[in-house]
């Protein structure tokens, strides 16, 4: 059964199940779709990890900046500056 320009006009109600069955049985392109899905999931996961790393880096930079600003204003460095609170 071809899917040419006359396919829509000659397809009767009896050939619709055949057509839908052929869509499910046709496996061409299945591997490509699977690779695209794997790539999409991988990209989303990488974006989530990068977002978490950026958030942690941003917090660390803000903490460092505020500590540096305080140290420059007071002129002294506290003893626990390098300890994790």
PDB file of N, CA and C in Angstrom:
ATOM      1  N   UNK A   1       0.844  -1.168   0.000  1.00  0.00           N
ATOM      2  CA  UNK A   1       0.000   0.000   0.000  1.00  0.00           C
ATOM      3  C   UNK A   1       0.891   1.232   0.000  1.00  0.00           C
ATOM      4  N   UNK A   2       0.731   2.087  -0.965  1.00  0.00           N
ATOM      5  CA  UNK A   2       1.552   3.285  -1.070  1.00  0.00           C
ATOM      6  C   UNK A   2       0.908   4.460  -0.360  1.00  0.00           C
ATOM      7  N   UNK A   3       1.726   5.412  -0.022  1.00  0.00           N
ATOM      8  CA  UNK A   3       1.221   6.615   0.617  1.00  0.00           C
ATOM      9  C   UNK A   3       1.377   7.799  -0.324  1.00  0.00           C
ATOM     10  N   UNK A   4       1.070   7.587  -1.588  1.00  0.00           N
ATOM     11  CA  UNK A   4       1.193   8.624  -2.599  1.00  0.00           C
ATOM     12  C   UNK A   4       0.027   9.595  -2.546  1.00  0.00           C
ATOM     13  N   UNK A   5      -0.132  10.401  -3.593  1.00  0.00           N
ATOM     14  CA  UNK A   5      -1.163  11.414  -3.613  1.00  0.00           C
ATOM     15  C   UNK A   5      -2.584  10.834  -3.626  1.00  0.00           C
ATOM     16  N   UNK A   6      -2.747   9.595  -4.066  1.00  0.00           N
ATOM     17  CA  UNK A   6      -4.094   9.021  -4.123  1.00  0.00           C
ATOM     18  C   UNK A   6      -4.421   8.181  -2.910  1.00  0.00           C
ATOM     19  N   UNK A   7      -3.527   8.124  -1.937  1.00  0.00           N
ATOM     20  CA  UNK A   7      -3.742   7.245  -0.786  1.00  0.00           C
ATOM     21  C   UNK A   7      -4.946   7.673   0.031  1.00  0.00           C
ATOM     22  N   UNK A   8      -5.154   8.950   0.200  1.00  0.00           N
ATOM     23  CA  UNK A   8      -6.272   9.432   0.991  1.00  0.00           C
ATOM     24  C   UNK A   8      -7.612   9.215   0.316  1.00  0.00           C
ATOM     25  N   UNK A   9      -7.643   9.242  -1.003  1.00  0.00           N
ATOM     26  CA  UNK A   9      -8.900   9.102  -1.735  1.00  0.00           C
ATOM     27  C   UNK A   9      -9.319   7.651  -1.887  1.00  0.00           C
ATOM     28  N   UNK A  10      -8.384   6.744  -1.985  1.00  0.00           N
ATOM     29  CA  UNK A  10      -8.748   5.353  -2.230  1.00  0.00           C
ATOM     30  C   UNK A  10      -8.829   4.531  -0.957  1.00  0.00           C
ATOM     31  N   UNK A  11      -8.449   5.107   0.179  1.00  0.00           N
ATOM     32  CA  UNK A  11      -8.439   4.346   1.412  1.00  0.00           C
ATOM     33  C   UNK A  11      -9.870   4.225   1.927  1.00  0.00           C
ATOM     34  N   UNK A  12     -10.347   3.029   2.031  1.00  0.00           N
ATOM     35  CA  UNK A  12     -11.682   2.798   2.568  1.00  0.00           C
ATOM     36  C   UNK A  12     -11.609   2.461   4.039  1.00  0.00           C
ATOM     37  N   UNK A  13     -12.767   2.211   4.632  1.00  0.00           N
ATOM     38  CA  UNK A  13     -12.790   1.896   6.062  1.00  0.00           C
ATOM     39  C   UNK A  13     -12.136   0.554   6.350  1.00  0.00           C
ATOM     40  N   UNK A  14     -12.125  -0.347   5.382  1.00  0.00           N
ATOM     41  CA  UNK A  14     -11.512  -1.657   5.584  1.00  0.00           C
ATOM     42  C   UNK A  14      -9.987  -1.565   5.603  1.00  0.00           C
ATOM     43  N   UNK A  15      -9.420  -0.583   4.915  1.00  0.00           N
ATOM     44  CA  UNK A  15      -7.961  -0.487   4.857  1.00  0.00           C
ATOM     45  C   UNK A  15      -7.383   0.353   5.990  1.00  0.00           C
ATOM     46  N   UNK A  16      -8.199   1.011   6.791  1.00  0.00           N
ATOM     47  CA  UNK A  16      -7.696   1.808   7.909  1.00  0.00           C
ATOM     48  C   UNK A  16      -6.997   0.926   8.944  1.00  0.00           C
ATOM     49  N   UNK A  17      -7.555  -0.212   9.360  1.00  0.00           N
ATOM     50  CA  UNK A  17      -6.809  -1.062  10.298  1.00  0.00           C
ATOM     51  C   UNK A  17      -5.474  -1.535   9.724  1.00  0.00           C
ATOM     52  N   UNK A  18      -5.443  -1.823   8.420  1.00  0.00           N
ATOM     53  CA  UNK A  18      -4.196  -2.240   7.786  1.00  0.00           C
ATOM     54  C   UNK A  18      -3.155  -1.125   7.864  1.00  0.00           C
ATOM     55  N   UNK A  19      -3.614   0.095   7.585  1.00  0.00           N
ATOM     56  CA  UNK A  19      -2.719   1.252   7.604  1.00  0.00           C
ATOM     57  C   UNK A  19      -2.190   1.505   9.017  1.00  0.00           C
ATOM     58  N   UNK A  20      -3.071   1.447  10.021  1.00  0.00           N
ATOM     59  CA  UNK A  20      -2.625   1.691  11.392  1.00  0.00           C
ATOM     60  C   UNK A  20      -1.709   0.572  11.875  1.00  0.00           C
ATOM     61  N   UNK A  21      -1.970  -0.661  11.455  1.00  0.00           N
ATOM     62  CA  UNK A  21      -1.102  -1.777  11.815  1.00  0.00           C
ATOM     63  C   UNK A  21       0.270  -1.604  11.181  1.00  0.00           C
ATOM     64  N   UNK A  22       0.306  -1.117   9.945  1.00  0.00           N
ATOM     65  CA  UNK A  22       1.595  -0.924   9.280  1.00  0.00           C
ATOM     66  C   UNK A  22       2.404   0.181   9.940  1.00  0.00           C
ATOM     67  N   UNK A  23       1.720   1.169  10.533  1.00  0.00           N
ATOM     68  CA  UNK A  23       2.445   2.215  11.252  1.00  0.00           C
ATOM     69  C   UNK A  23       3.138   1.651  12.489  1.00  0.00           C
ATOM     70  N   UNK A  24       2.475   0.755  13.205  1.00  0.00           N
ATOM     71  CA  UNK A  24       3.065   0.171  14.409  1.00  0.00           C
ATOM     72  C   UNK A  24       4.119  -0.870  14.075  1.00  0.00           C
ATOM     73  N   UNK A  25       3.995  -1.544  12.950  1.00  0.00           N
ATOM     74  CA  UNK A  25       4.963  -2.571  12.569  1.00  0.00           C
ATOM     75  C   UNK A  25       6.224  -1.993  11.926  1.00  0.00           C
ATOM     76  N   UNK A  26       6.131  -0.786  11.394  1.00  0.00           N
ATOM     77  CA  UNK A  26       7.274  -0.176  10.716  1.00  0.00           C
ATOM     78  C   UNK A  26       8.284   0.295  11.748  1.00  0.00           C
ATOM     79  N   UNK A  27       9.494  -0.264  11.709  1.00  0.00           N
ATOM     80  CA  UNK A  27      10.516   0.061  12.701  1.00  0.00           C
ATOM     81  C   UNK A  27      11.612   0.961  12.145  1.00  0.00           C
ATOM     82  N   UNK A  28      11.419   1.478  10.955  1.00  0.00           N
ATOM     83  CA  UNK A  28      12.416   2.387  10.391  1.00  0.00           C
ATOM     84  C   UNK A  28      12.429   3.679  11.207  1.00  0.00           C
ATOM     85  N   UNK A  29      13.588   4.131  11.562  1.00  0.00           N
ATOM     86  CA  UNK A  29      13.735   5.362  12.326  1.00  0.00           C
ATOM     87  C   UNK A  29      13.632   5.170  13.827  1.00  0.00           C
ATOM     88  N   UNK A  30      13.350   3.963  14.274  1.00  0.00           N
ATOM     89  CA  UNK A  30      13.207   3.717  15.703  1.00  0.00           C
ATOM     90  C   UNK A  30      14.513   3.977  16.442  1.00  0.00           C
ATOM     91  N   UNK A  31      15.621   3.561  15.893  1.00  0.00           N
ATOM     92  CA  UNK A  31      16.920   3.772  16.524  1.00  0.00           C
ATOM     93  C   UNK A  31      17.237   5.257  16.623  1.00  0.00           C
ATOM     94  N   UNK A  32      16.901   5.998  15.579  1.00  0.00           N
ATOM     95  CA  UNK A  32      17.133   7.438  15.586  1.00  0.00           C
ATOM     96  C   UNK A  32      16.329   8.102  16.695  1.00  0.00           C
ATOM     97  N   UNK A  33      15.081   7.712  16.834  1.00  0.00           N
ATOM     98  CA  UNK A  33      14.229   8.281  17.883  1.00  0.00           C
ATOM     99  C   UNK A  33      14.786   7.938  19.263  1.00  0.00           C
ATOM    100  N   UNK A  34      15.261   6.709  19.432  1.00  0.00           N
ATOM    101  CA  UNK A  34      15.838   6.317  20.715  1.00  0.00           C
ATOM    102  C   UNK A  34      17.085   7.141  21.033  1.00  0.00           C
ATOM    103  N   UNK A  35      17.946   7.360  20.043  1.00  0.00           N
ATOM    104  CA  UNK A  35      19.130   8.182  20.258  1.00  0.00           C
ATOM    105  C   UNK A  35      18.751   9.618  20.603  1.00  0.00           C
ATOM    106  N   UNK A  36      17.733  10.151  19.955  1.00  0.00           N
ATOM    107  CA  UNK A  36      17.282  11.514  20.241  1.00  0.00           C
ATOM    108  C   UNK A  36      16.749  11.599  21.667  1.00  0.00           C
ATOM    109  N   UNK A  37      15.993  10.598  22.107  1.00  0.00           N
ATOM    110  CA  UNK A  37      15.474  10.591  23.471  1.00  0.00           C
ATOM    111  C   UNK A  37      16.597  10.508  24.500  1.00  0.00           C
ATOM    112  N   UNK A  38      17.576   9.641  24.237  1.00  0.00           N
ATOM    113  CA  UNK A  38      18.723   9.520  25.150  1.00  0.00           C
ATOM    114  C   UNK A  38      19.491  10.834  25.205  1.00  0.00           C
ATOM    115  N   UNK A  39      19.703  11.453  24.060  1.00  0.00           N
ATOM    116  CA  UNK A  39      20.412  12.723  24.005  1.00  0.00           C
ATOM    117  C   UNK A  39      19.646  13.808  24.758  1.00  0.00           C
ATOM    118  N   UNK A  40      18.322  13.836  24.617  1.00  0.00           N
ATOM    119  CA  UNK A  40      17.498  14.823  25.304  1.00  0.00           C
ATOM    120  C   UNK A  40      17.574  14.654  26.813  1.00  0.00           C
ATOM    121  N   UNK A  41      17.457  13.425  27.278  1.00  0.00           N
ATOM    122  CA  UNK A  41      17.538  13.164  28.719  1.00  0.00           C
ATOM    123  C   UNK A  41      18.920  13.538  29.252  1.00  0.00           C
ATOM    124  N   UNK A  42      19.961  13.232  28.497  1.00  0.00           N
ATOM    125  CA  UNK A  42      21.319  13.568  28.908  1.00  0.00           C
ATOM    126  C   UNK A  42      21.511  15.082  29.000  1.00  0.00           C
ATOM    127  N   UNK A  43      20.999  15.808  28.027  1.00  0.00           N
ATOM    128  CA  UNK A  43      21.125  17.263  28.026  1.00  0.00           C
ATOM    129  C   UNK A  43      20.391  17.871  29.218  1.00  0.00           C
ATOM    130  N   UNK A  44      19.193  17.375  29.500  1.00  0.00           N
ATOM    131  CA  UNK A  44      18.428  17.884  30.642  1.00  0.00           C
ATOM    132  C   UNK A  44      19.173  17.601  31.953  1.00  0.00           C
ATOM    133  N   UNK A  45      19.753  16.415  32.080  1.00  0.00           N
ATOM    134  CA  UNK A  45      20.502  16.070  33.288  1.00  0.00           C
ATOM    135  C   UNK A  45      21.735  16.954  33.444  1.00  0.00           C
ATOM    136  N   UNK A  46      22.454  17.183  32.368  1.00  0.00           N
ATOM    137  CA  UNK A  46      23.646  18.039  32.420  1.00  0.00           C
ATOM    138  C   UNK A  46      23.251  19.466  32.792  1.00  0.00           C
ATOM    139  N   UNK A  47      22.155  19.950  32.234  1.00  0.00           N
ATOM    140  CA  UNK A  47      21.697  21.302  32.572  1.00  0.00           C
ATOM    141  C   UNK A  47      21.330  21.408  34.045  1.00  0.00           C
ATOM    142  N   UNK A  48      20.720  20.369  34.603  1.00  0.00           N
ATOM    143  CA  UNK A  48      20.360  20.380  36.022  1.00  0.00           C
ATOM    144  C   UNK A  48      21.611  20.406  36.895  1.00  0.00           C
ATOM    145  N   UNK A  49      22.608  19.609  36.541  1.00  0.00           N
ATOM    146  CA  UNK A  49      23.851  19.572  37.316  1.00  0.00           C
ATOM    147  C   UNK A  49      24.579  20.914  37.220  1.00  0.00           C
ATOM    148  N   UNK A  50      24.628  21.490  36.041  1.00  0.00           N
ATOM    149  CA  UNK A  50      25.287  22.788  35.871  1.00  0.00           C
ATOM    150  C   UNK A  50      24.573  23.854  36.687  1.00  0.00           C
ATOM    151  N   UNK A  51      23.263  23.795  36.716  1.00  0.00           N
ATOM    152  CA  UNK A  51      22.491  24.775  37.495  1.00  0.00           C
ATOM    153  C   UNK A  51      22.805  24.649  38.992  1.00  0.00           C
ATOM    154  N   UNK A  52      22.904  23.422  39.480  1.00  0.00           N
ATOM    155  CA  UNK A  52      23.245  23.212  40.892  1.00  0.00           C
ATOM    156  C   UNK A  52      24.654  23.726  41.188  1.00  0.00           C
ATOM    157  N   UNK A  53      25.593  23.423  40.304  1.00  0.00           N
ATOM    158  CA  UNK A  53      26.973  23.880  40.499  1.00  0.00           C
ATOM    159  C   UNK A  53      27.040  25.407  40.466  1.00  0.00           C
ATOM    160  N   UNK A  54      26.307  26.020  39.563  1.00  0.00           N
ATOM    161  CA  UNK A  54      26.303  27.479  39.484  1.00  0.00           C
ATOM    162  C   UNK A  54      25.717  28.096  40.748  1.00  0.00           C
ATOM    163  N   UNK A  55      24.657  27.482  41.277  1.00  0.00           N
ATOM    164  CA  UNK A  55      24.043  27.999  42.494  1.00  0.00           C
ATOM    165  C   UNK A  55      25.023  27.909  43.673  1.00  0.00           C
ATOM    166  N   UNK A  56      25.720  26.775  43.795  1.00  0.00           N
ATOM    167  CA  UNK A  56      26.693  26.611  44.876  1.00  0.00           C
ATOM    168  C   UNK A  56      27.871  27.573  44.724  1.00  0.00           C
ATOM    169  N   UNK A  57      28.329  27.743  43.494  1.00  0.00           N
ATOM    170  CA  UNK A  57      29.431  28.664  43.227  1.00  0.00           C
ATOM    171  C   UNK A  57      29.016  30.095  43.548  1.00  0.00           C
ATOM    172  N   UNK A  58      27.791  30.441  43.182  1.00  0.00           N
ATOM    173  CA  UNK A  58      27.285  31.789  43.446  1.00  0.00           C
ATOM    174  C   UNK A  58      27.227  32.059  44.949  1.00  0.00           C
ATOM    175  N   UNK A  59      26.737  31.082  45.700  1.00  0.00           N
ATOM    176  CA  UNK A  59      26.682  31.241  47.165  1.00  0.00           C
ATOM    177  C   UNK A  59      28.078  31.406  47.748  1.00  0.00           C
ATOM    178  N   UNK A  60      29.009  30.604  47.276  1.00  0.00           N
ATOM    179  CA  UNK A  60      30.386  30.696  47.765  1.00  0.00           C
ATOM    180  C   UNK A  60      31.012  32.039  47.448  1.00  0.00           C
ATOM    181  N   UNK A  61      30.788  32.539  46.247  1.00  0.00           N
ATOM    182  CA  UNK A  61      31.335  33.837  45.858  1.00  0.00           C
ATOM    183  C   UNK A  61      30.725  34.964  46.685  1.00  0.00           C
ATOM    184  N   UNK A  62      29.420  34.882  46.938  1.00  0.00           N
ATOM    185  CA  UNK A  62      28.778  35.910  47.762  1.00  0.00           C
ATOM    186  C   UNK A  62      29.317  35.886  49.186  1.00  0.00           C
ATOM    187  N   UNK A  63      29.523  34.693  49.719  1.00  0.00           N
ATOM    188  CA  UNK A  63      30.071  34.562  51.066  1.00  0.00           C
ATOM    189  C   UNK A  63      31.492  35.120  51.122  1.00  0.00           C
ATOM    190  N   UNK A  64      32.298  34.755  50.121  1.00  0.00           N
ATOM    191  CA  UNK A  64      33.670  35.251  50.056  1.00  0.00           C
ATOM    192  C   UNK A  64      33.689  36.765  49.903  1.00  0.00           C
ATOM    193  N   UNK A  65      32.826  37.296  49.050  1.00  0.00           N
ATOM    194  CA  UNK A  65      32.778  38.739  48.837  1.00  0.00           C
ATOM    195  C   UNK A  65      32.366  39.501  50.075  1.00  0.00           C
ATOM    196  N   UNK A  66      31.364  38.989  50.773  1.00  0.00           N
ATOM    197  CA  UNK A  66      30.930  39.686  51.986  1.00  0.00           C
ATOM    198  C   UNK A  66      32.003  39.620  53.069  1.00  0.00           C
ATOM    199  N   UNK A  67      32.681  38.497  53.176  1.00  0.00           N
ATOM    200  CA  UNK A  67      33.768  38.376  54.167  1.00  0.00           C
ATOM    201  C   UNK A  67      34.920  39.305  53.813  1.00  0.00           C
ATOM    202  N   UNK A  68      35.243  39.372  52.535  1.00  0.00           N
ATOM    203  CA  UNK A  68      36.323  40.257  52.099  1.00  0.00           C
ATOM    204  C   UNK A  68      35.958  41.716  52.347  1.00  0.00           C
ATOM    205  N   UNK A  69      34.720  42.079  52.074  1.00  0.00           N
ATOM    206  CA  UNK A  69      34.273  43.447  52.312  1.00  0.00           C
ATOM    207  C   UNK A  69      34.357  43.789  53.806  1.00  0.00           C
ATOM    208  N   UNK A  70      33.932  42.864  54.647  1.00  0.00           N
ATOM    209  CA  UNK A  70      33.999  43.082  56.102  1.00  0.00           C
ATOM    210  C   UNK A  70      35.446  43.213  56.561  1.00  0.00           C
ATOM    211  N   UNK A  71      36.312  42.363  56.022  1.00  0.00           N
ATOM    212  CA  UNK A  71      37.722  42.412  56.409  1.00  0.00           C
ATOM    213  C   UNK A  71      38.379  43.717  55.966  1.00  0.00           C
ATOM    214  N   UNK A  72      38.026  44.191  54.787  1.00  0.00           N
ATOM    215  CA  UNK A  72      38.613  45.441  54.309  1.00  0.00           C
ATOM    216  C   UNK A  72      38.114  46.637  55.119  1.00  0.00           C
ATOM    217  N   UNK A  73      36.873  46.591  55.571  1.00  0.00           N
ATOM    218  CA  UNK A  73      36.340  47.689  56.374  1.00  0.00           C
ATOM    219  C   UNK A  73      36.969  47.719  57.770  1.00  0.00           C
ATOM    220  N   UNK A  74      37.141  46.545  58.377  1.00  0.00           N
ATOM    221  CA  UNK A  74      37.668  46.499  59.740  1.00  0.00           C
ATOM    222  C   UNK A  74      39.188  46.502  59.776  1.00  0.00           C
ATOM    223  N   UNK A  75      39.830  46.062  58.728  1.00  0.00           N
ATOM    224  CA  UNK A  75      41.289  46.044  58.679  1.00  0.00           C
ATOM    225  C   UNK A  75      41.904  44.824  59.339  1.00  0.00           C
ATOM    226  N   UNK A  76      41.089  43.848  59.692  1.00  0.00           N
ATOM    227  CA  UNK A  76      41.655  42.628  60.287  1.00  0.00           C
ATOM    228  C   UNK A  76      40.915  41.403  59.755  1.00  0.00           C
ATOM    229  N   UNK A  77      41.587  40.274  59.820  1.00  0.00           N
ATOM    230  CA  UNK A  77      41.026  39.018  59.325  1.00  0.00           C
ATOM    231  C   UNK A  77      40.718  38.128  60.522  1.00  0.00           C
ATOM    232  N   UNK A  78      39.503  37.608  60.611  1.00  0.00           N
ATOM    233  CA  UNK A  78      39.192  36.716  61.722  1.00  0.00           C
ATOM    234  C   UNK A  78      39.939  35.387  61.598  1.00  0.00           C
ATOM    235  N   UNK A  79      40.110  34.711  62.714  1.00  0.00           N
ATOM    236  CA  UNK A  79      40.860  33.459  62.751  1.00  0.00           C
ATOM    237  C   UNK A  79      40.150  32.368  61.952  1.00  0.00           C
ATOM    238  N   UNK A  80      38.830  32.327  61.956  1.00  0.00           N
ATOM    239  CA  UNK A  80      38.085  31.241  61.301  1.00  0.00           C
ATOM    240  C   UNK A  80      37.683  31.572  59.861  1.00  0.00           C
ATOM    241  N   UNK A  81      38.442  32.397  59.187  1.00  0.00           N
ATOM    242  CA  UNK A  81      38.067  32.805  57.843  1.00  0.00           C
ATOM    243  C   UNK A  81      38.076  31.634  56.854  1.00  0.00           C
ATOM    244  N   UNK A  82      38.964  30.661  57.054  1.00  0.00           N
ATOM    245  CA  UNK A  82      39.049  29.559  56.120  1.00  0.00           C
ATOM    246  C   UNK A  82      38.296  28.328  56.588  1.00  0.00           C
ATOM    247  N   UNK A  83      37.656  28.397  57.719  1.00  0.00           N
ATOM    248  CA  UNK A  83      36.875  27.262  58.203  1.00  0.00           C
ATOM    249  C   UNK A  83      35.476  27.300  57.634  1.00  0.00           C
ATOM    250  N   UNK A  84      34.918  26.136  57.406  1.00  0.00           N
ATOM    251  CA  UNK A  84      33.555  26.035  56.876  1.00  0.00           C
ATOM    252  C   UNK A  84      32.571  26.115  58.050  1.00  0.00           C
ATOM    253  N   UNK A  85      31.651  27.058  58.028  1.00  0.00           N
ATOM    254  CA  UNK A  85      30.686  27.222  59.126  1.00  0.00           C
ATOM    255  C   UNK A  85      29.464  26.414  58.896  1.00  0.00           C
TER     256      UNK A  85
END
